[in-house]
Amino acid sequence: MKEAPKLSRREATQTAIMRSAECLAAEKGVENISIRDILARAGQKNESALQYHFKNFSGLLTAIRRARTQEVSARRQQYLEALLAKTPRLDLRQICSVMVMPAFDLAKTSPAFKTYIQAFGHELMTADSEYVKAHTQALGDSALETGALLQKALPHLDRATYLTRVEHALRFISAAMNHHAQQPRGFKGKSADIFVQNLIDSLEGLLKAPMSPETRATIDK
């Protein structure tokens, strides 16, 4: 197995600070942690270390989200390519699995990624629509390809309804994954595999449901 490249001192310090912030946010909530707490957990004696590497607390959070998003994007690309190598036309459930499995697999194999979901996984659930839209745009080419496949799989939805359903789906995934991460056996064993398959089932049902006459009448008012 190819060894991971050794981090430079700068990269090691940045990673230590980011992992420290994730752990503390998972334990206390991001609104209840201080820069001093983060640096102490990271073993940094210089109180200006966070400012030097990330400018400020907001910059640190942005760096954490960006790094984790890149991890998920890379895993999603691998997952998508593996599916498309088997069949050029994915059905809706397979597309839903592409939306869920990359982050699930990372959390199942990496305790640090599970901690990240515990700390920040709820954010999409409570964010405004503009944040969700910006988050979606930051997910990379694999997310854009998945979105294109998803839209083709849902021809019964007009554009506005499709976008609304996708926003609901992202919030739903966020809430479910965050809640599962809080459980003592989160992302471990058979119960985790049952959880993720049920999540994909529920996601498929949410997306493929026909527009009701009540919804259409409300839109047409």
C-alpha atoms as a PDB file:
ATOM      1  CA  MET A   1       0.000   0.000   0.000  1.00  0.00           C
ATOM      2  CA  LYS A   2       1.316   3.410  -0.942  1.00  0.00           C
ATOM      3  CA  GLU A   3       2.172   5.522   2.106  1.00  0.00           C
ATOM      4  CA  ALA A   4       0.536   8.911   2.521  1.00  0.00           C
ATOM      5  CA  PRO A   5       2.937  11.781   1.843  1.00  0.00           C
ATOM      6  CA  LYS A   6       4.490  13.232   4.984  1.00  0.00           C
ATOM      7  CA  LEU A   7       3.018  16.567   6.014  1.00  0.00           C
ATOM      8  CA  SER A   8       5.219  19.625   6.247  1.00  0.00           C
ATOM      9  CA  ARG A   9       5.457  21.315   9.641  1.00  0.00           C
ATOM     10  CA  ARG A  10       3.047  24.009   8.446  1.00  0.00           C
ATOM     11  CA  GLU A  11       0.530  21.445   7.175  1.00  0.00           C
ATOM     12  CA  ALA A  12       0.840  19.387  10.363  1.00  0.00           C
ATOM     13  CA  THR A  13       0.098  22.461  12.487  1.00  0.00           C
ATOM     14  CA  GLN A  14      -2.884  23.434  10.353  1.00  0.00           C
ATOM     15  CA  THR A  15      -4.259  19.896  10.498  1.00  0.00           C
ATOM     16  CA  ALA A  16      -3.803  19.728  14.286  1.00  0.00           C
ATOM     17  CA  ILE A  17      -5.709  22.986  14.743  1.00  0.00           C
ATOM     18  CA  MET A  18      -8.525  21.893  12.416  1.00  0.00           C
ATOM     19  CA  ARG A  19      -8.897  18.483  14.110  1.00  0.00           C
ATOM     20  CA  SER A  20      -8.831  20.173  17.516  1.00  0.00           C
ATOM     21  CA  ALA A  21     -11.656  22.515  16.470  1.00  0.00           C
ATOM     22  CA  GLU A  22     -13.706  19.585  15.140  1.00  0.00           C
ATOM     23  CA  CYS A  23     -13.326  17.620  18.378  1.00  0.00           C
ATOM     24  CA  LEU A  24     -14.262  20.557  20.583  1.00  0.00           C
ATOM     25  CA  ALA A  25     -17.195  21.509  18.355  1.00  0.00           C
ATOM     26  CA  ALA A  26     -18.455  17.916  18.528  1.00  0.00           C
ATOM     27  CA  GLU A  27     -18.202  17.963  22.325  1.00  0.00           C
ATOM     28  CA  LYS A  28     -19.541  21.447  23.093  1.00  0.00           C
ATOM     29  CA  GLY A  29     -21.045  22.934  19.936  1.00  0.00           C
ATOM     30  CA  VAL A  30     -19.141  25.324  17.709  1.00  0.00           C
ATOM     31  CA  GLU A  31     -20.695  28.358  19.399  1.00  0.00           C
ATOM     32  CA  ASN A  32     -19.243  27.297  22.776  1.00  0.00           C
ATOM     33  CA  ILE A  33     -15.554  26.944  21.954  1.00  0.00           C
ATOM     34  CA  SER A  34     -12.802  29.530  22.105  1.00  0.00           C
ATOM     35  CA  ILE A  35      -9.596  30.024  20.167  1.00  0.00           C
ATOM     36  CA  ARG A  36      -7.652  29.396  23.376  1.00  0.00           C
ATOM     37  CA  ASP A  37      -9.413  26.040  23.843  1.00  0.00           C
ATOM     38  CA  ILE A  38      -8.662  25.050  20.251  1.00  0.00           C
ATOM     39  CA  LEU A  39      -4.972  25.902  20.489  1.00  0.00           C
ATOM     40  CA  ALA A  40      -4.599  24.150  23.848  1.00  0.00           C
ATOM     41  CA  ARG A  41      -6.182  20.953  22.471  1.00  0.00           C
ATOM     42  CA  ALA A  42      -3.905  21.193  19.418  1.00  0.00           C
ATOM     43  CA  GLY A  43      -0.806  21.536  21.629  1.00  0.00           C
ATOM     44  CA  GLN A  44      -0.025  25.029  20.346  1.00  0.00           C
ATOM     45  CA  LYS A  45       1.615  27.308  22.904  1.00  0.00           C
ATOM     46  CA  ASN A  46       1.720  30.318  20.594  1.00  0.00           C
ATOM     47  CA  GLU A  47      -1.675  32.047  20.882  1.00  0.00           C
ATOM     48  CA  SER A  48      -1.217  33.699  17.481  1.00  0.00           C
ATOM     49  CA  ALA A  49      -0.967  30.329  15.683  1.00  0.00           C
ATOM     50  CA  LEU A  50      -4.603  30.306  14.602  1.00  0.00           C
ATOM     51  CA  GLN A  51      -4.373  33.854  13.292  1.00  0.00           C
ATOM     52  CA  TYR A  52      -1.148  33.047  11.454  1.00  0.00           C
ATOM     53  CA  HIS A  53      -2.574  29.990   9.690  1.00  0.00           C
ATOM     54  CA  PHE A  54      -6.254  30.915   9.251  1.00  0.00           C
ATOM     55  CA  LYS A  55      -6.482  34.688   9.896  1.00  0.00           C
ATOM     56  CA  ASN A  56      -9.425  34.269  12.297  1.00  0.00           C
ATOM     57  CA  PHE A  57     -11.971  31.821  13.689  1.00  0.00           C
ATOM     58  CA  SER A  58     -14.201  32.177  10.624  1.00  0.00           C
ATOM     59  CA  GLY A  59     -11.240  31.397   8.381  1.00  0.00           C
ATOM     60  CA  LEU A  60     -10.583  28.241  10.390  1.00  0.00           C
ATOM     61  CA  LEU A  61     -14.165  27.048   9.955  1.00  0.00           C
ATOM     62  CA  THR A  62     -13.987  27.776   6.230  1.00  0.00           C
ATOM     63  CA  ALA A  63     -10.781  25.749   5.945  1.00  0.00           C
ATOM     64  CA  ILE A  64     -12.357  22.815   7.799  1.00  0.00           C
ATOM     65  CA  ARG A  65     -15.435  22.792   5.582  1.00  0.00           C
ATOM     66  CA  ARG A  66     -13.358  23.131   2.412  1.00  0.00           C
ATOM     67  CA  ALA A  67     -11.025  20.270   3.342  1.00  0.00           C
ATOM     68  CA  ARG A  68     -13.882  17.932   4.268  1.00  0.00           C
ATOM     69  CA  THR A  69     -15.862  18.876   1.166  1.00  0.00           C
ATOM     70  CA  GLN A  70     -12.853  17.993  -0.979  1.00  0.00           C
ATOM     71  CA  GLU A  71     -12.617  14.603   0.727  1.00  0.00           C
ATOM     72  CA  VAL A  72     -16.265  13.849   0.014  1.00  0.00           C
ATOM     73  CA  SER A  73     -15.968  15.115  -3.556  1.00  0.00           C
ATOM     74  CA  ALA A  74     -12.996  12.854  -4.275  1.00  0.00           C
ATOM     75  CA  ARG A  75     -14.747   9.836  -2.749  1.00  0.00           C
ATOM     76  CA  ARG A  76     -17.939  10.624  -4.685  1.00  0.00           C
ATOM     77  CA  GLN A  77     -15.976  10.748  -7.939  1.00  0.00           C
ATOM     78  CA  GLN A  78     -14.554   7.286  -7.235  1.00  0.00           C
ATOM     79  CA  TYR A  79     -17.982   5.924  -6.291  1.00  0.00           C
ATOM     80  CA  LEU A  80     -19.628   7.425  -9.362  1.00  0.00           C
ATOM     81  CA  GLU A  81     -16.967   6.150 -11.736  1.00  0.00           C
ATOM     82  CA  ALA A  82     -17.251   2.644 -10.280  1.00  0.00           C
ATOM     83  CA  LEU A  83     -21.023   2.600 -10.829  1.00  0.00           C
ATOM     84  CA  LEU A  84     -20.816   4.046 -14.338  1.00  0.00           C
ATOM     85  CA  ALA A  85     -18.205   1.436 -15.270  1.00  0.00           C
ATOM     86  CA  LYS A  86     -20.850  -1.225 -14.583  1.00  0.00           C
ATOM     87  CA  THR A  87     -23.763   0.500 -16.283  1.00  0.00           C
ATOM     88  CA  PRO A  88     -23.921   3.728 -18.311  1.00  0.00           C
ATOM     89  CA  ARG A  89     -27.432   4.476 -17.089  1.00  0.00           C
ATOM     90  CA  LEU A  90     -27.971   4.732 -13.334  1.00  0.00           C
ATOM     91  CA  ASP A  91     -31.394   4.285 -11.813  1.00  0.00           C
ATOM     92  CA  LEU A  92     -32.724   6.676  -9.169  1.00  0.00           C
ATOM     93  CA  ARG A  93     -31.692   4.531  -6.216  1.00  0.00           C
ATOM     94  CA  GLN A  94     -28.134   4.291  -7.500  1.00  0.00           C
ATOM     95  CA  ILE A  95     -28.013   8.070  -7.883  1.00  0.00           C
ATOM     96  CA  CYS A  96     -29.336   8.458  -4.332  1.00  0.00           C
ATOM     97  CA  SER A  97     -26.559   6.151  -3.148  1.00  0.00           C
ATOM     98  CA  VAL A  98     -24.027   8.461  -4.811  1.00  0.00           C
ATOM     99  CA  MET A  99     -25.492  11.316  -2.758  1.00  0.00           C
ATOM    100  CA  VAL A 100     -25.133   9.402   0.526  1.00  0.00           C
ATOM    101  CA  MET A 101     -22.462   6.708   0.441  1.00  0.00           C
ATOM    102  CA  PRO A 102     -19.264   8.772   0.008  1.00  0.00           C
ATOM    103  CA  ALA A 103     -19.725  10.670   3.287  1.00  0.00           C
ATOM    104  CA  PHE A 104     -21.065   7.549   5.006  1.00  0.00           C
ATOM    105  CA  ASP A 105     -18.039   5.491   3.937  1.00  0.00           C
ATOM    106  CA  LEU A 106     -15.652   8.197   5.131  1.00  0.00           C
ATOM    107  CA  ALA A 107     -17.379   8.381   8.515  1.00  0.00           C
ATOM    108  CA  LYS A 108     -17.362   4.600   8.813  1.00  0.00           C
ATOM    109  CA  THR A 109     -13.642   4.293   8.122  1.00  0.00           C
ATOM    110  CA  SER A 110     -12.351   7.514   9.690  1.00  0.00           C
ATOM    111  CA  PRO A 111     -13.121   8.451  13.320  1.00  0.00           C
ATOM    112  CA  ALA A 112     -11.978  11.995  12.514  1.00  0.00           C
ATOM    113  CA  PHE A 113     -14.545  12.317   9.738  1.00  0.00           C
ATOM    114  CA  LYS A 114     -17.245  10.990  12.047  1.00  0.00           C
ATOM    115  CA  THR A 115     -16.260  13.711  14.512  1.00  0.00           C
ATOM    116  CA  TYR A 116     -16.624  16.283  11.745  1.00  0.00           C
ATOM    117  CA  ILE A 117     -20.183  15.089  11.052  1.00  0.00           C
ATOM    118  CA  GLN A 118     -20.947  15.242  14.767  1.00  0.00           C
ATOM    119  CA  ALA A 119     -19.652  18.810  14.879  1.00  0.00           C
ATOM    120  CA  PHE A 120     -20.865  20.290  11.603  1.00  0.00           C
ATOM    121  CA  GLY A 121     -23.256  17.802  10.009  1.00  0.00           C
ATOM    122  CA  HIS A 122     -26.316  19.693  11.193  1.00  0.00           C
ATOM    123  CA  GLU A 123     -25.432  22.942   9.425  1.00  0.00           C
ATOM    124  CA  LEU A 124     -27.362  22.323   6.203  1.00  0.00           C
ATOM    125  CA  MET A 125     -30.394  21.331   8.240  1.00  0.00           C
ATOM    126  CA  THR A 126     -30.730  24.825   9.710  1.00  0.00           C
ATOM    127  CA  ALA A 127     -29.079  26.997   7.032  1.00  0.00           C
ATOM    128  CA  ASP A 128     -30.947  29.385   4.770  1.00  0.00           C
ATOM    129  CA  SER A 129     -31.533  28.492   1.129  1.00  0.00           C
ATOM    130  CA  GLU A 130     -28.674  30.660  -0.148  1.00  0.00           C
ATOM    131  CA  TYR A 131     -26.186  28.818   2.060  1.00  0.00           C
ATOM    132  CA  VAL A 132     -27.492  25.460   0.833  1.00  0.00           C
ATOM    133  CA  LYS A 133     -27.170  26.653  -2.768  1.00  0.00           C
ATOM    134  CA  ALA A 134     -23.603  27.886  -2.183  1.00  0.00           C
ATOM    135  CA  HIS A 135     -22.721  24.620  -0.457  1.00  0.00           C
ATOM    136  CA  THR A 136     -24.039  22.629  -3.407  1.00  0.00           C
ATOM    137  CA  GLN A 137     -21.997  24.691  -5.864  1.00  0.00           C
ATOM    138  CA  ALA A 138     -18.857  24.047  -3.800  1.00  0.00           C
ATOM    139  CA  LEU A 139     -19.204  20.265  -3.948  1.00  0.00           C
ATOM    140  CA  GLY A 140     -17.180  19.940  -7.148  1.00  0.00           C
ATOM    141  CA  ASP A 141     -17.528  18.299 -10.555  1.00  0.00           C
ATOM    142  CA  SER A 142     -18.700  14.969  -9.174  1.00  0.00           C
ATOM    143  CA  ALA A 143     -21.673  16.699  -7.538  1.00  0.00           C
ATOM    144  CA  LEU A 144     -22.509  18.510 -10.772  1.00  0.00           C
ATOM    145  CA  GLU A 145     -22.409  15.204 -12.666  1.00  0.00           C
ATOM    146  CA  THR A 146     -24.589  13.575 -10.009  1.00  0.00           C
ATOM    147  CA  GLY A 147     -27.029  16.476 -10.220  1.00  0.00           C
ATOM    148  CA  ALA A 148     -27.285  16.131 -13.995  1.00  0.00           C
ATOM    149  CA  LEU A 149     -28.011  12.412 -13.660  1.00  0.00           C
ATOM    150  CA  LEU A 150     -30.570  13.102 -10.956  1.00  0.00           C
ATOM    151  CA  GLN A 151     -32.468  15.652 -12.999  1.00  0.00           C
ATOM    152  CA  LYS A 152     -32.695  13.219 -15.928  1.00  0.00           C
ATOM    153  CA  ALA A 153     -34.074  10.583 -13.550  1.00  0.00           C
ATOM    154  CA  LEU A 154     -36.864  12.913 -12.390  1.00  0.00           C
ATOM    155  CA  PRO A 155     -38.551  14.082 -15.614  1.00  0.00           C
ATOM    156  CA  HIS A 156     -41.918  14.449 -13.839  1.00  0.00           C
ATOM    157  CA  LEU A 157     -40.642  17.437 -11.849  1.00  0.00           C
ATOM    158  CA  ASP A 158     -40.442  20.936 -13.286  1.00  0.00           C
ATOM    159  CA  ARG A 159     -37.248  22.888 -12.646  1.00  0.00           C
ATOM    160  CA  ALA A 160     -38.507  24.811  -9.623  1.00  0.00           C
ATOM    161  CA  THR A 161     -39.950  21.721  -7.963  1.00  0.00           C
ATOM    162  CA  TYR A 162     -36.797  19.751  -8.726  1.00  0.00           C
ATOM    163  CA  LEU A 163     -34.621  22.375  -7.015  1.00  0.00           C
ATOM    164  CA  THR A 164     -36.932  22.446  -3.996  1.00  0.00           C
ATOM    165  CA  ARG A 165     -36.835  18.650  -3.704  1.00  0.00           C
ATOM    166  CA  VAL A 166     -33.029  18.622  -3.930  1.00  0.00           C
ATOM    167  CA  GLU A 167     -32.789  21.241  -1.171  1.00  0.00           C
ATOM    168  CA  HIS A 168     -35.121  19.147   1.008  1.00  0.00           C
ATOM    169  CA  ALA A 169     -33.033  16.075   0.222  1.00  0.00           C
ATOM    170  CA  LEU A 170     -29.760  17.738   1.242  1.00  0.00           C
ATOM    171  CA  ARG A 171     -31.273  18.965   4.497  1.00  0.00           C
ATOM    172  CA  PHE A 172     -32.684  15.503   5.158  1.00  0.00           C
ATOM    173  CA  ILE A 173     -29.328  13.798   4.559  1.00  0.00           C
ATOM    174  CA  SER A 174     -27.623  16.340   6.806  1.00  0.00           C
ATOM    175  CA  ALA A 175     -30.066  15.780   9.667  1.00  0.00           C
ATOM    176  CA  ALA A 176     -30.015  11.981   9.394  1.00  0.00           C
ATOM    177  CA  MET A 177     -26.215  11.681   9.208  1.00  0.00           C
ATOM    178  CA  ASN A 178     -25.690  14.106  12.086  1.00  0.00           C
ATOM    179  CA  HIS A 179     -28.196  12.261  14.275  1.00  0.00           C
ATOM    180  CA  HIS A 180     -26.642   8.891  13.443  1.00  0.00           C
ATOM    181  CA  ALA A 181     -23.176  10.238  14.285  1.00  0.00           C
ATOM    182  CA  GLN A 182     -24.360  11.075  17.805  1.00  0.00           C
ATOM    183  CA  GLN A 183     -25.328   7.464  18.539  1.00  0.00           C
ATOM    184  CA  PRO A 184     -22.927   5.240  20.543  1.00  0.00           C
ATOM    185  CA  ARG A 185     -22.761   2.780  17.636  1.00  0.00           C
ATOM    186  CA  GLY A 186     -22.897   5.398  14.913  1.00  0.00           C
ATOM    187  CA  PHE A 187     -21.234   4.222  11.673  1.00  0.00           C
ATOM    188  CA  LYS A 188     -20.365   0.847  13.233  1.00  0.00           C
ATOM    189  CA  GLY A 189     -21.519  -2.633  12.323  1.00  0.00           C
ATOM    190  CA  LYS A 190     -24.763  -3.919  10.896  1.00  0.00           C
ATOM    191  CA  SER A 191     -26.907  -1.183  12.461  1.00  0.00           C
ATOM    192  CA  ALA A 192     -24.968   1.422  10.474  1.00  0.00           C
ATOM    193  CA  ASP A 193     -25.482  -0.500   7.232  1.00  0.00           C
ATOM    194  CA  ILE A 194     -29.217  -0.764   7.934  1.00  0.00           C
ATOM    195  CA  PHE A 195     -29.302   2.955   8.682  1.00  0.00           C
ATOM    196  CA  VAL A 196     -27.697   3.950   5.397  1.00  0.00           C
ATOM    197  CA  GLN A 197     -29.854   1.653   3.268  1.00  0.00           C
ATOM    198  CA  ASN A 198     -32.989   3.049   4.927  1.00  0.00           C
ATOM    199  CA  LEU A 199     -31.667   6.559   4.341  1.00  0.00           C
ATOM    200  CA  ILE A 200     -31.230   5.844   0.626  1.00  0.00           C
ATOM    201  CA  ASP A 201     -34.729   4.311   0.477  1.00  0.00           C
ATOM    202  CA  SER A 202     -36.218   7.402   2.126  1.00  0.00           C
ATOM    203  CA  LEU A 203     -34.280   9.736  -0.141  1.00  0.00           C
ATOM    204  CA  GLU A 204     -35.510   7.900  -3.228  1.00  0.00           C
ATOM    205  CA  GLY A 205     -39.093   8.186  -2.000  1.00  0.00           C
ATOM    206  CA  LEU A 206     -38.739  11.903  -1.317  1.00  0.00           C
ATOM    207  CA  LEU A 207     -37.363  12.622  -4.775  1.00  0.00           C
ATOM    208  CA  LYS A 208     -39.597  10.447  -6.932  1.00  0.00           C
ATOM    209  CA  ALA A 209     -42.921  11.321  -5.273  1.00  0.00           C
ATOM    210  CA  PRO A 210     -45.307  12.852  -7.841  1.00  0.00           C
ATOM    211  CA  MET A 211     -46.419  16.426  -7.401  1.00  0.00           C
ATOM    212  CA  SER A 212     -49.795  16.310  -5.690  1.00  0.00           C
ATOM    213  CA  PRO A 213     -52.877  18.122  -7.003  1.00  0.00           C
ATOM    214  CA  GLU A 214     -52.757  20.205  -3.815  1.00  0.00           C
ATOM    215  CA  THR A 215     -49.205  21.359  -4.534  1.00  0.00           C
ATOM    216  CA  ARG A 216     -50.026  22.107  -8.175  1.00  0.00           C
ATOM    217  CA  ALA A 217     -53.123  24.086  -7.176  1.00  0.00           C
ATOM    218  CA  THR A 218     -51.075  26.100  -4.691  1.00  0.00           C
ATOM    219  CA  ILE A 219     -48.430  26.882  -7.335  1.00  0.00           C
ATOM    220  CA  ASP A 220     -51.080  27.917  -9.863  1.00  0.00           C
ATOM    221  CA  LYS A 221     -52.889  30.333  -7.539  1.00  0.00           C
END
